[in-house]
Amino acid sequence: GLPANCVDHASNTVEFGPPLVSILLDRYGRGSWASERKRINRWKSELKRDPYAQLNVYMYVQANRIAQADSRVRKIKEVFGLEQSRLTFRTVPSKQETTKVYLVPAGAENPIP
């Protein structure tokens, strides 16, 4: 049996921190492939810091440039190699061309384009 001074019930305490959120890592417009490749290498560095994080890449492009955006997606995936399973791409029709890259920690909600 239990000693007389031992409590015969239990409780759990759970601490809650602030909610996890996606982090905007990068935002840029049109540029050269060399410039984009440097950016991609920085994204890869961020992923190495958090092995459970994902990258969401939103490409805001004009409707007549969707084929070019698809080509960029293929090139970016080639640079990432085996880590491409941690990438999510979305092409969003827009009048102004911009690319936004979000780091999404495990448990965080995906950003809304």
PDB file of N, CA and C in Angstrom:
ATOM      1  N   GLY A   1       0.802  -1.168   0.000  1.00  0.00           N
ATOM      2  CA  GLY A   1       0.000   0.000   0.000  1.00  0.00           C
ATOM      3  C   GLY A   1       0.865   1.258   0.000  1.00  0.00           C
ATOM      4  N   LEU A   2       0.183   2.385  -0.020  1.00  0.00           N
ATOM      5  CA  LEU A   2       0.846   3.687  -0.025  1.00  0.00           C
ATOM      6  C   LEU A   2       1.107   4.146   1.404  1.00  0.00           C
ATOM      7  N   PRO A   3       2.192   4.892   1.614  1.00  0.00           N
ATOM      8  CA  PRO A   3       2.416   5.469   2.937  1.00  0.00           C
ATOM      9  C   PRO A   3       1.262   6.426   3.282  1.00  0.00           C
ATOM     10  N   ALA A   4       1.022   6.646   4.528  1.00  0.00           N
ATOM     11  CA  ALA A   4      -0.092   7.476   4.977  1.00  0.00           C
ATOM     12  C   ALA A   4      -0.005   8.905   4.439  1.00  0.00           C
ATOM     13  N   ASN A   5       1.207   9.461   4.270  1.00  0.00           N
ATOM     14  CA  ASN A   5       1.343  10.845   3.806  1.00  0.00           C
ATOM     15  C   ASN A   5       1.395  10.972   2.278  1.00  0.00           C
ATOM     16  N   CYS A   6       1.201   9.858   1.571  1.00  0.00           N
ATOM     17  CA  CYS A   6       1.272   9.877   0.096  1.00  0.00           C
ATOM     18  C   CYS A   6      -0.126  10.135  -0.469  1.00  0.00           C
ATOM     19  N   VAL A   7      -0.196  11.036  -1.414  1.00  0.00           N
ATOM     20  CA  VAL A   7      -1.466  11.377  -2.051  1.00  0.00           C
ATOM     21  C   VAL A   7      -1.877  10.254  -2.987  1.00  0.00           C
ATOM     22  N   ASP A   8      -3.161   9.900  -2.969  1.00  0.00           N
ATOM     23  CA  ASP A   8      -3.617   8.779  -3.791  1.00  0.00           C
ATOM     24  C   ASP A   8      -4.292   9.222  -5.103  1.00  0.00           C
ATOM     25  N   HIS A   9      -3.889  10.384  -5.617  1.00  0.00           N
ATOM     26  CA  HIS A   9      -4.386  10.827  -6.917  1.00  0.00           C
ATOM     27  C   HIS A   9      -3.255  11.553  -7.658  1.00  0.00           C
ATOM     28  N   ALA A  10      -3.457  11.751  -8.929  1.00  0.00           N
ATOM     29  CA  ALA A  10      -2.406  12.374  -9.742  1.00  0.00           C
ATOM     30  C   ALA A  10      -3.004  13.493 -10.582  1.00  0.00           C
ATOM     31  N   SER A  11      -2.150  14.377 -11.029  1.00  0.00           N
ATOM     32  CA  SER A  11      -2.577  15.431 -11.944  1.00  0.00           C
ATOM     33  C   SER A  11      -1.445  15.706 -12.925  1.00  0.00           C
ATOM     34  N   ASN A  12      -1.800  16.248 -14.049  1.00  0.00           N
ATOM     35  CA  ASN A  12      -0.813  16.619 -15.061  1.00  0.00           C
ATOM     36  C   ASN A  12      -0.847  18.117 -15.261  1.00  0.00           C
ATOM     37  N   THR A  13       0.307  18.680 -15.476  1.00  0.00           N
ATOM     38  CA  THR A  13       0.399  20.096 -15.790  1.00  0.00           C
ATOM     39  C   THR A  13       1.004  20.213 -17.174  1.00  0.00           C
ATOM     40  N   VAL A  14       0.354  20.984 -18.017  1.00  0.00           N
ATOM     41  CA  VAL A  14       0.830  21.170 -19.382  1.00  0.00           C
ATOM     42  C   VAL A  14       1.023  22.657 -19.613  1.00  0.00           C
ATOM     43  N   GLU A  15       2.184  23.009 -20.149  1.00  0.00           N
ATOM     44  CA  GLU A  15       2.436  24.405 -20.471  1.00  0.00           C
ATOM     45  C   GLU A  15       2.180  24.624 -21.955  1.00  0.00           C
ATOM     46  N   PHE A  16       1.509  25.716 -22.261  1.00  0.00           N
ATOM     47  CA  PHE A  16       1.253  26.086 -23.649  1.00  0.00           C
ATOM     48  C   PHE A  16       2.064  27.322 -23.978  1.00  0.00           C
ATOM     49  N   GLY A  17       2.754  27.269 -25.093  1.00  0.00           N
ATOM     50  CA  GLY A  17       3.496  28.436 -25.562  1.00  0.00           C
ATOM     51  C   GLY A  17       2.684  29.134 -26.627  1.00  0.00           C
ATOM     52  N   PRO A  18       3.270  30.130 -27.232  1.00  0.00           N
ATOM     53  CA  PRO A  18       2.554  30.810 -28.310  1.00  0.00           C
ATOM     54  C   PRO A  18       2.350  29.843 -29.478  1.00  0.00           C
ATOM     55  N   PRO A  19       1.303  30.029 -30.279  1.00  0.00           N
ATOM     56  CA  PRO A  19       1.074  29.124 -31.414  1.00  0.00           C
ATOM     57  C   PRO A  19       2.209  29.234 -32.428  1.00  0.00           C
ATOM     58  N   LEU A  20       2.508  28.122 -33.062  1.00  0.00           N
ATOM     59  CA  LEU A  20       3.531  28.119 -34.100  1.00  0.00           C
ATOM     60  C   LEU A  20       2.981  28.786 -35.355  1.00  0.00           C
ATOM     61  N   VAL A  21       3.782  29.603 -35.965  1.00  0.00           N
ATOM     62  CA  VAL A  21       3.360  30.306 -37.177  1.00  0.00           C
ATOM     63  C   VAL A  21       4.401  30.124 -38.270  1.00  0.00           C
ATOM     64  N   SER A  22       3.959  30.275 -39.496  1.00  0.00           N
ATOM     65  CA  SER A  22       4.867  30.245 -40.638  1.00  0.00           C
ATOM     66  C   SER A  22       5.669  31.543 -40.666  1.00  0.00           C
ATOM     67  N   ILE A  23       6.895  31.448 -41.160  1.00  0.00           N
ATOM     68  CA  ILE A  23       7.799  32.601 -41.192  1.00  0.00           C
ATOM     69  C   ILE A  23       8.099  32.949 -42.644  1.00  0.00           C
ATOM     70  N   LEU A  24       7.864  34.199 -43.016  1.00  0.00           N
ATOM     71  CA  LEU A  24       8.209  34.645 -44.369  1.00  0.00           C
ATOM     72  C   LEU A  24       9.734  34.752 -44.458  1.00  0.00           C
ATOM     73  N   LEU A  25      10.343  33.848 -45.225  1.00  0.00           N
ATOM     74  CA  LEU A  25      11.808  33.826 -45.364  1.00  0.00           C
ATOM     75  C   LEU A  25      12.305  34.760 -46.451  1.00  0.00           C
ATOM     76  N   ASP A  26      11.530  34.842 -47.527  1.00  0.00           N
ATOM     77  CA  ASP A  26      12.034  35.559 -48.690  1.00  0.00           C
ATOM     78  C   ASP A  26      10.858  36.061 -49.519  1.00  0.00           C
ATOM     79  N   ARG A  27      11.091  37.185 -50.149  1.00  0.00           N
ATOM     80  CA  ARG A  27      10.107  37.767 -51.062  1.00  0.00           C
ATOM     81  C   ARG A  27      10.895  38.500 -52.134  1.00  0.00           C
ATOM     82  N   TYR A  28      10.614  38.176 -53.393  1.00  0.00           N
ATOM     83  CA  TYR A  28      11.360  38.816 -54.470  1.00  0.00           C
ATOM     84  C   TYR A  28      10.574  38.781 -55.774  1.00  0.00           C
ATOM     85  N   GLY A  29      10.978  39.632 -56.695  1.00  0.00           N
ATOM     86  CA  GLY A  29      10.378  39.702 -58.022  1.00  0.00           C
ATOM     87  C   GLY A  29      11.258  38.970 -59.030  1.00  0.00           C
ATOM     88  N   ARG A  30      11.100  39.337 -60.265  1.00  0.00           N
ATOM     89  CA  ARG A  30      11.898  38.705 -61.322  1.00  0.00           C
ATOM     90  C   ARG A  30      13.376  38.963 -61.119  1.00  0.00           C
ATOM     91  N   GLY A  31      14.177  38.008 -61.544  1.00  0.00           N
ATOM     92  CA  GLY A  31      15.624  38.150 -61.447  1.00  0.00           C
ATOM     93  C   GLY A  31      16.293  37.044 -62.239  1.00  0.00           C
ATOM     94  N   SER A  32      17.587  37.010 -62.186  1.00  0.00           N
ATOM     95  CA  SER A  32      18.341  35.992 -62.920  1.00  0.00           C
ATOM     96  C   SER A  32      18.285  34.656 -62.177  1.00  0.00           C
ATOM     97  N   TRP A  33      18.585  33.593 -62.911  1.00  0.00           N
ATOM     98  CA  TRP A  33      18.646  32.273 -62.295  1.00  0.00           C
ATOM     99  C   TRP A  33      19.776  32.218 -61.264  1.00  0.00           C
ATOM    100  N   ALA A  34      20.892  32.871 -61.544  1.00  0.00           N
ATOM    101  CA  ALA A  34      22.015  32.889 -60.597  1.00  0.00           C
ATOM    102  C   ALA A  34      21.588  33.521 -59.276  1.00  0.00           C
ATOM    103  N   SER A  35      20.831  34.590 -59.357  1.00  0.00           N
ATOM    104  CA  SER A  35      20.336  35.259 -58.157  1.00  0.00           C
ATOM    105  C   SER A  35      19.365  34.353 -57.397  1.00  0.00           C
ATOM    106  N   GLU A  36      18.494  33.689 -58.133  1.00  0.00           N
ATOM    107  CA  GLU A  36      17.524  32.808 -57.480  1.00  0.00           C
ATOM    108  C   GLU A  36      18.226  31.608 -56.847  1.00  0.00           C
ATOM    109  N   ARG A  37      19.241  31.117 -57.497  1.00  0.00           N
ATOM    110  CA  ARG A  37      19.972  29.962 -56.950  1.00  0.00           C
ATOM    111  C   ARG A  37      20.621  30.313 -55.602  1.00  0.00           C
ATOM    112  N   LYS A  38      21.155  31.526 -55.464  1.00  0.00           N
ATOM    113  CA  LYS A  38      21.716  31.954 -54.185  1.00  0.00           C
ATOM    114  C   LYS A  38      20.638  31.971 -53.113  1.00  0.00           C
ATOM    115  N   ARG A  39      19.457  32.430 -53.482  1.00  0.00           N
ATOM    116  CA  ARG A  39      18.341  32.442 -52.544  1.00  0.00           C
ATOM    117  C   ARG A  39      17.982  31.019 -52.117  1.00  0.00           C
ATOM    118  N   ILE A  40      17.943  30.117 -53.098  1.00  0.00           N
ATOM    119  CA  ILE A  40      17.596  28.725 -52.829  1.00  0.00           C
ATOM    120  C   ILE A  40      18.582  28.115 -51.836  1.00  0.00           C
ATOM    121  N   ASN A  41      19.846  28.417 -51.989  1.00  0.00           N
ATOM    122  CA  ASN A  41      20.847  27.897 -51.049  1.00  0.00           C
ATOM    123  C   ASN A  41      20.603  28.404 -49.633  1.00  0.00           C
ATOM    124  N   ARG A  42      20.124  29.646 -49.504  1.00  0.00           N
ATOM    125  CA  ARG A  42      19.774  30.161 -48.167  1.00  0.00           C
ATOM    126  C   ARG A  42      18.569  29.412 -47.608  1.00  0.00           C
ATOM    127  N   TRP A  43      17.608  29.092 -48.474  1.00  0.00           N
ATOM    128  CA  TRP A  43      16.438  28.345 -48.006  1.00  0.00           C
ATOM    129  C   TRP A  43      16.867  26.970 -47.499  1.00  0.00           C
ATOM    130  N   LYS A  44      17.776  26.336 -48.231  1.00  0.00           N
ATOM    131  CA  LYS A  44      18.262  25.020 -47.821  1.00  0.00           C
ATOM    132  C   LYS A  44      18.927  25.095 -46.443  1.00  0.00           C
ATOM    133  N   SER A  45      19.674  26.171 -46.204  1.00  0.00           N
ATOM    134  CA  SER A  45      20.311  26.353 -44.891  1.00  0.00           C
ATOM    135  C   SER A  45      19.274  26.441 -43.786  1.00  0.00           C
ATOM    136  N   GLU A  46      18.179  27.143 -44.052  1.00  0.00           N
ATOM    137  CA  GLU A  46      17.107  27.265 -43.061  1.00  0.00           C
ATOM    138  C   GLU A  46      16.477  25.897 -42.773  1.00  0.00           C
ATOM    139  N   LEU A  47      16.296  25.100 -43.800  1.00  0.00           N
ATOM    140  CA  LEU A  47      15.719  23.769 -43.599  1.00  0.00           C
ATOM    141  C   LEU A  47      16.637  22.878 -42.775  1.00  0.00           C
ATOM    142  N   LYS A  48      17.936  23.044 -42.928  1.00  0.00           N
ATOM    143  CA  LYS A  48      18.883  22.228 -42.160  1.00  0.00           C
ATOM    144  C   LYS A  48      18.790  22.527 -40.668  1.00  0.00           C
ATOM    145  N   ARG A  49      18.388  23.747 -40.316  1.00  0.00           N
ATOM    146  CA  ARG A  49      18.256  24.119 -38.904  1.00  0.00           C
ATOM    147  C   ARG A  49      17.063  23.440 -38.238  1.00  0.00           C
ATOM    148  N   ASP A  50      16.049  23.105 -39.024  1.00  0.00           N
ATOM    149  CA  ASP A  50      14.847  22.471 -38.481  1.00  0.00           C
ATOM    150  C   ASP A  50      14.492  21.289 -39.374  1.00  0.00           C
ATOM    151  N   PRO A  51      14.875  20.076 -38.965  1.00  0.00           N
ATOM    152  CA  PRO A  51      14.666  18.909 -39.827  1.00  0.00           C
ATOM    153  C   PRO A  51      13.198  18.529 -40.036  1.00  0.00           C
ATOM    154  N   TYR A  52      12.295  19.148 -39.303  1.00  0.00           N
ATOM    155  CA  TYR A  52      10.875  18.827 -39.444  1.00  0.00           C
ATOM    156  C   TYR A  52      10.095  19.919 -40.178  1.00  0.00           C
ATOM    157  N   ALA A  53      10.741  21.001 -40.522  1.00  0.00           N
ATOM    158  CA  ALA A  53      10.069  22.119 -41.187  1.00  0.00           C
ATOM    159  C   ALA A  53       9.868  21.831 -42.675  1.00  0.00           C
ATOM    160  N   GLN A  54       8.953  22.561 -43.261  1.00  0.00           N
ATOM    161  CA  GLN A  54       8.673  22.513 -44.688  1.00  0.00           C
ATOM    162  C   GLN A  54       8.859  23.917 -45.265  1.00  0.00           C
ATOM    163  N   LEU A  55       9.030  23.990 -46.554  1.00  0.00           N
ATOM    164  CA  LEU A  55       9.042  25.285 -47.242  1.00  0.00           C
ATOM    165  C   LEU A  55       7.829  25.357 -48.151  1.00  0.00           C
ATOM    166  N   ASN A  56       7.114  26.447 -48.060  1.00  0.00           N
ATOM    167  CA  ASN A  56       6.021  26.723 -48.991  1.00  0.00           C
ATOM    168  C   ASN A  56       6.461  27.870 -49.885  1.00  0.00           C
ATOM    169  N   VAL A  57       6.438  27.626 -51.186  1.00  0.00           N
ATOM    170  CA  VAL A  57       6.855  28.632 -52.166  1.00  0.00           C
ATOM    171  C   VAL A  57       5.631  29.028 -52.976  1.00  0.00           C
ATOM    172  N   TYR A  58       5.270  30.300 -52.872  1.00  0.00           N
ATOM    173  CA  TYR A  58       4.127  30.829 -53.612  1.00  0.00           C
ATOM    174  C   TYR A  58       4.652  31.723 -54.727  1.00  0.00           C
ATOM    175  N   MET A  59       4.315  31.360 -55.956  1.00  0.00           N
ATOM    176  CA  MET A  59       4.732  32.132 -57.112  1.00  0.00           C
ATOM    177  C   MET A  59       3.510  32.864 -57.660  1.00  0.00           C
ATOM    178  N   TYR A  60       3.513  34.158 -57.489  1.00  0.00           N
ATOM    179  CA  TYR A  60       2.439  35.006 -58.007  1.00  0.00           C
ATOM    180  C   TYR A  60       2.853  35.427 -59.413  1.00  0.00           C
ATOM    181  N   VAL A  61       2.131  34.944 -60.415  1.00  0.00           N
ATOM    182  CA  VAL A  61       2.527  35.197 -61.800  1.00  0.00           C
ATOM    183  C   VAL A  61       1.331  35.599 -62.646  1.00  0.00           C
ATOM    184  N   GLN A  62       1.634  36.289 -63.735  1.00  0.00           N
ATOM    185  CA  GLN A  62       0.604  36.634 -64.709  1.00  0.00           C
ATOM    186  C   GLN A  62       0.169  35.360 -65.422  1.00  0.00           C
ATOM    187  N   ALA A  63      -1.081  35.320 -65.815  1.00  0.00           N
ATOM    188  CA  ALA A  63      -1.646  34.114 -66.419  1.00  0.00           C
ATOM    189  C   ALA A  63      -0.840  33.621 -67.620  1.00  0.00           C
ATOM    190  N   ASN A  64      -0.287  34.539 -68.396  1.00  0.00           N
ATOM    191  CA  ASN A  64       0.455  34.132 -69.595  1.00  0.00           C
ATOM    192  C   ASN A  64       1.881  33.658 -69.274  1.00  0.00           C
ATOM    193  N   ARG A  65       2.261  33.648 -68.003  1.00  0.00           N
ATOM    194  CA  ARG A  65       3.617  33.210 -67.627  1.00  0.00           C
ATOM    195  C   ARG A  65       3.607  31.972 -66.722  1.00  0.00           C
ATOM    196  N   ILE A  66       2.495  31.261 -66.675  1.00  0.00           N
ATOM    197  CA  ILE A  66       2.405  30.077 -65.822  1.00  0.00           C
ATOM    198  C   ILE A  66       3.377  28.988 -66.286  1.00  0.00           C
ATOM    199  N   ALA A  67       3.556  28.831 -67.590  1.00  0.00           N
ATOM    200  CA  ALA A  67       4.500  27.823 -68.105  1.00  0.00           C
ATOM    201  C   ALA A  67       5.926  28.126 -67.632  1.00  0.00           C
ATOM    202  N   GLN A  68       6.314  29.404 -67.600  1.00  0.00           N
ATOM    203  CA  GLN A  68       7.643  29.777 -67.111  1.00  0.00           C
ATOM    204  C   GLN A  68       7.758  29.470 -65.608  1.00  0.00           C
ATOM    205  N   ALA A  69       6.685  29.687 -64.876  1.00  0.00           N
ATOM    206  CA  ALA A  69       6.702  29.388 -63.439  1.00  0.00           C
ATOM    207  C   ALA A  69       6.884  27.890 -63.218  1.00  0.00           C
ATOM    208  N   ASP A  70       6.218  27.068 -64.027  1.00  0.00           N
ATOM    209  CA  ASP A  70       6.376  25.617 -63.915  1.00  0.00           C
ATOM    210  C   ASP A  70       7.819  25.195 -64.192  1.00  0.00           C
ATOM    211  N   SER A  71       8.447  25.852 -65.159  1.00  0.00           N
ATOM    212  CA  SER A  71       9.849  25.572 -65.463  1.00  0.00           C
ATOM    213  C   SER A  71      10.745  25.925 -64.269  1.00  0.00           C
ATOM    214  N   ARG A  72      10.470  27.057 -63.628  1.00  0.00           N
ATOM    215  CA  ARG A  72      11.239  27.464 -62.431  1.00  0.00           C
ATOM    216  C   ARG A  72      11.072  26.444 -61.320  1.00  0.00           C
ATOM    217  N   VAL A  73       9.858  25.917 -61.156  1.00  0.00           N
ATOM    218  CA  VAL A  73       9.609  24.907 -60.119  1.00  0.00           C
ATOM    219  C   VAL A  73      10.498  23.692 -60.359  1.00  0.00           C
ATOM    220  N   ARG A  74      10.562  23.233 -61.594  1.00  0.00           N
ATOM    221  CA  ARG A  74      11.411  22.074 -61.912  1.00  0.00           C
ATOM    222  C   ARG A  74      12.879  22.358 -61.593  1.00  0.00           C
ATOM    223  N   LYS A  75      13.353  23.554 -61.948  1.00  0.00           N
ATOM    224  CA  LYS A  75      14.752  23.907 -61.674  1.00  0.00           C
ATOM    225  C   LYS A  75      15.024  23.951 -60.174  1.00  0.00           C
ATOM    226  N   ILE A  76      14.109  24.546 -59.440  1.00  0.00           N
ATOM    227  CA  ILE A  76      14.289  24.637 -57.985  1.00  0.00           C
ATOM    228  C   ILE A  76      14.319  23.248 -57.375  1.00  0.00           C
ATOM    229  N   LYS A  77      13.446  22.366 -57.817  1.00  0.00           N
ATOM    230  CA  LYS A  77      13.431  20.992 -57.296  1.00  0.00           C
ATOM    231  C   LYS A  77      14.745  20.282 -57.588  1.00  0.00           C
ATOM    232  N   GLU A  78      15.319  20.515 -58.771  1.00  0.00           N
ATOM    233  CA  GLU A  78      16.603  19.912 -59.112  1.00  0.00           C
ATOM    234  C   GLU A  78      17.696  20.364 -58.143  1.00  0.00           C
ATOM    235  N   VAL A  79      17.693  21.652 -57.794  1.00  0.00           N
ATOM    236  CA  VAL A  79      18.696  22.175 -56.869  1.00  0.00           C
ATOM    237  C   VAL A  79      18.527  21.547 -55.483  1.00  0.00           C
ATOM    238  N   PHE A  80      17.289  21.326 -55.069  1.00  0.00           N
ATOM    239  CA  PHE A  80      17.045  20.760 -53.746  1.00  0.00           C
ATOM    240  C   PHE A  80      17.378  19.287 -53.673  1.00  0.00           C
ATOM    241  N   GLY A  81      17.303  18.570 -54.773  1.00  0.00           N
ATOM    242  CA  GLY A  81      17.623  17.153 -54.774  1.00  0.00           C
ATOM    243  C   GLY A  81      16.690  16.362 -53.870  1.00  0.00           C
ATOM    244  N   LEU A  82      17.269  15.592 -52.958  1.00  0.00           N
ATOM    245  CA  LEU A  82      16.481  14.709 -52.106  1.00  0.00           C
ATOM    246  C   LEU A  82      15.567  15.459 -51.148  1.00  0.00           C
ATOM    247  N   GLU A  83      15.881  16.704 -50.856  1.00  0.00           N
ATOM    248  CA  GLU A  83      15.076  17.466 -49.904  1.00  0.00           C
ATOM    249  C   GLU A  83      13.801  18.027 -50.513  1.00  0.00           C
ATOM    250  N   GLN A  84      13.565  17.776 -51.802  1.00  0.00           N
ATOM    251  CA  GLN A  84      12.400  18.383 -52.439  1.00  0.00           C
ATOM    252  C   GLN A  84      11.091  17.898 -51.848  1.00  0.00           C
ATOM    253  N   SER A  85      11.096  16.787 -51.110  1.00  0.00           N
ATOM    254  CA  SER A  85       9.868  16.332 -50.457  1.00  0.00           C
ATOM    255  C   SER A  85       9.417  17.309 -49.374  1.00  0.00           C
ATOM    256  N   ARG A  86      10.288  18.217 -49.001  1.00  0.00           N
ATOM    257  CA  ARG A  86       9.966  19.211 -47.973  1.00  0.00           C
ATOM    258  C   ARG A  86       9.506  20.533 -48.581  1.00  0.00           C
ATOM    259  N   LEU A  87       9.270  20.532 -49.903  1.00  0.00           N
ATOM    260  CA  LEU A  87       8.848  21.741 -50.611  1.00  0.00           C
ATOM    261  C   LEU A  87       7.407  21.608 -51.075  1.00  0.00           C
ATOM    262  N   THR A  88       6.676  22.696 -50.968  1.00  0.00           N
ATOM    263  CA  THR A  88       5.341  22.786 -51.539  1.00  0.00           C
ATOM    264  C   THR A  88       5.305  24.034 -52.401  1.00  0.00           C
ATOM    265  N   PHE A  89       4.847  23.876 -53.629  1.00  0.00           N
ATOM    266  CA  PHE A  89       4.765  25.005 -54.559  1.00  0.00           C
ATOM    267  C   PHE A  89       3.310  25.302 -54.865  1.00  0.00           C
ATOM    268  N   ARG A  90       3.043  26.577 -55.024  1.00  0.00           N
ATOM    269  CA  ARG A  90       1.723  27.021 -55.446  1.00  0.00           C
ATOM    270  C   ARG A  90       1.893  28.178 -56.416  1.00  0.00           C
ATOM    271  N   THR A  91       1.244  28.070 -57.560  1.00  0.00           N
ATOM    272  CA  THR A  91       1.248  29.161 -58.520  1.00  0.00           C
ATOM    273  C   THR A  91      -0.064  29.917 -58.351  1.00  0.00           C
ATOM    274  N   VAL A  92       0.032  31.217 -58.120  1.00  0.00           N
ATOM    275  CA  VAL A  92      -1.138  32.049 -57.853  1.00  0.00           C
ATOM    276  C   VAL A  92      -1.225  33.121 -58.941  1.00  0.00           C
ATOM    277  N   PRO A  93      -2.333  33.162 -59.680  1.00  0.00           N
ATOM    278  CA  PRO A  93      -2.477  34.215 -60.698  1.00  0.00           C
ATOM    279  C   PRO A  93      -2.455  35.600 -60.055  1.00  0.00           C
ATOM    280  N   SER A  94      -1.708  36.487 -60.661  1.00  0.00           N
ATOM    281  CA  SER A  94      -1.557  37.833 -60.112  1.00  0.00           C
ATOM    282  C   SER A  94      -1.111  38.785 -61.216  1.00  0.00           C
ATOM    283  N   LYS A  95      -1.409  40.052 -61.052  1.00  0.00           N
ATOM    284  CA  LYS A  95      -0.940  41.051 -62.022  1.00  0.00           C
ATOM    285  C   LYS A  95       0.526  41.381 -61.803  1.00  0.00           C
ATOM    286  N   GLN A  96       0.971  41.304 -60.555  1.00  0.00           N
ATOM    287  CA  GLN A  96       2.365  41.620 -60.227  1.00  0.00           C
ATOM    288  C   GLN A  96       3.101  40.331 -59.877  1.00  0.00           C
ATOM    289  N   GLU A  97       4.261  40.107 -60.499  1.00  0.00           N
ATOM    290  CA  GLU A  97       5.017  38.881 -60.255  1.00  0.00           C
ATOM    291  C   GLU A  97       5.878  39.002 -59.006  1.00  0.00           C
ATOM    292  N   THR A  98       5.638  38.082 -58.106  1.00  0.00           N
ATOM    293  CA  THR A  98       6.375  38.035 -56.845  1.00  0.00           C
ATOM    294  C   THR A  98       6.485  36.580 -56.414  1.00  0.00           C
ATOM    295  N   THR A  99       7.557  36.242 -55.766  1.00  0.00           N
ATOM    296  CA  THR A  99       7.694  34.928 -55.157  1.00  0.00           C
ATOM    297  C   THR A  99       7.840  35.133 -53.654  1.00  0.00           C
ATOM    298  N   LYS A 100       7.054  34.384 -52.894  1.00  0.00           N
ATOM    299  CA  LYS A 100       7.143  34.426 -51.434  1.00  0.00           C
ATOM    300  C   LYS A 100       7.479  33.026 -50.945  1.00  0.00           C
ATOM    301  N   VAL A 101       8.430  32.954 -50.025  1.00  0.00           N
ATOM    302  CA  VAL A 101       8.878  31.674 -49.493  1.00  0.00           C
ATOM    303  C   VAL A 101       8.669  31.692 -47.986  1.00  0.00           C
ATOM    304  N   TYR A 102       7.939  30.693 -47.496  1.00  0.00           N
ATOM    305  CA  TYR A 102       7.642  30.589 -46.062  1.00  0.00           C
ATOM    306  C   TYR A 102       8.283  29.335 -45.483  1.00  0.00           C
ATOM    307  N   LEU A 103       8.868  29.480 -44.304  1.00  0.00           N
ATOM    308  CA  LEU A 103       9.321  28.338 -43.528  1.00  0.00           C
ATOM    309  C   LEU A 103       8.158  27.959 -42.618  1.00  0.00           C
ATOM    310  N   VAL A 104       7.735  26.696 -42.697  1.00  0.00           N
ATOM    311  CA  VAL A 104       6.599  26.232 -41.923  1.00  0.00           C
ATOM    312  C   VAL A 104       7.085  25.190 -40.915  1.00  0.00           C
ATOM    313  N   PRO A 105       7.263  25.588 -39.645  1.00  0.00           N
ATOM    314  CA  PRO A 105       7.708  24.631 -38.633  1.00  0.00           C
ATOM    315  C   PRO A 105       6.658  23.528 -38.440  1.00  0.00           C
ATOM    316  N   ALA A 106       7.085  22.369 -37.974  1.00  0.00           N
ATOM    317  CA  ALA A 106       6.151  21.290 -37.688  1.00  0.00           C
ATOM    318  C   ALA A 106       5.090  21.784 -36.715  1.00  0.00           C
ATOM    319  N   GLY A 107       3.826  21.518 -37.037  1.00  0.00           N
ATOM    320  CA  GLY A 107       2.738  21.939 -36.172  1.00  0.00           C
ATOM    321  C   GLY A 107       2.160  23.295 -36.503  1.00  0.00           C
ATOM    322  N   ALA A 108       2.840  24.062 -37.357  1.00  0.00           N
ATOM    323  CA  ALA A 108       2.338  25.385 -37.752  1.00  0.00           C
ATOM    324  C   ALA A 108       1.375  25.228 -38.923  1.00  0.00           C
ATOM    325  N   GLU A 109       0.466  26.180 -39.037  1.00  0.00           N
ATOM    326  CA  GLU A 109      -0.452  26.165 -40.167  1.00  0.00           C
ATOM    327  C   GLU A 109       0.240  26.747 -41.395  1.00  0.00           C
ATOM    328  N   ASN A 110      -0.144  26.242 -42.545  1.00  0.00           N
ATOM    329  CA  ASN A 110       0.383  26.780 -43.799  1.00  0.00           C
ATOM    330  C   ASN A 110      -0.121  28.204 -43.988  1.00  0.00           C
ATOM    331  N   PRO A 111       0.714  29.073 -44.551  1.00  0.00           N
ATOM    332  CA  PRO A 111       0.249  30.435 -44.835  1.00  0.00           C
ATOM    333  C   PRO A 111      -0.822  30.406 -45.914  1.00  0.00           C
ATOM    334  N   ILE A 112      -1.656  31.416 -45.895  1.00  0.00           N
ATOM    335  CA  ILE A 112      -2.703  31.527 -46.919  1.00  0.00           C
ATOM    336  C   ILE A 112      -2.191  32.482 -47.994  1.00  0.00           C
ATOM    337  N   PRO A 113      -2.147  31.990 -49.257  1.00  0.00           N
ATOM    338  CA  PRO A 113      -1.622  32.856 -50.325  1.00  0.00           C
ATOM    339  C   PRO A 113      -2.511  34.059 -50.578  1.00  0.00           C
TER     340      PRO A 113
END
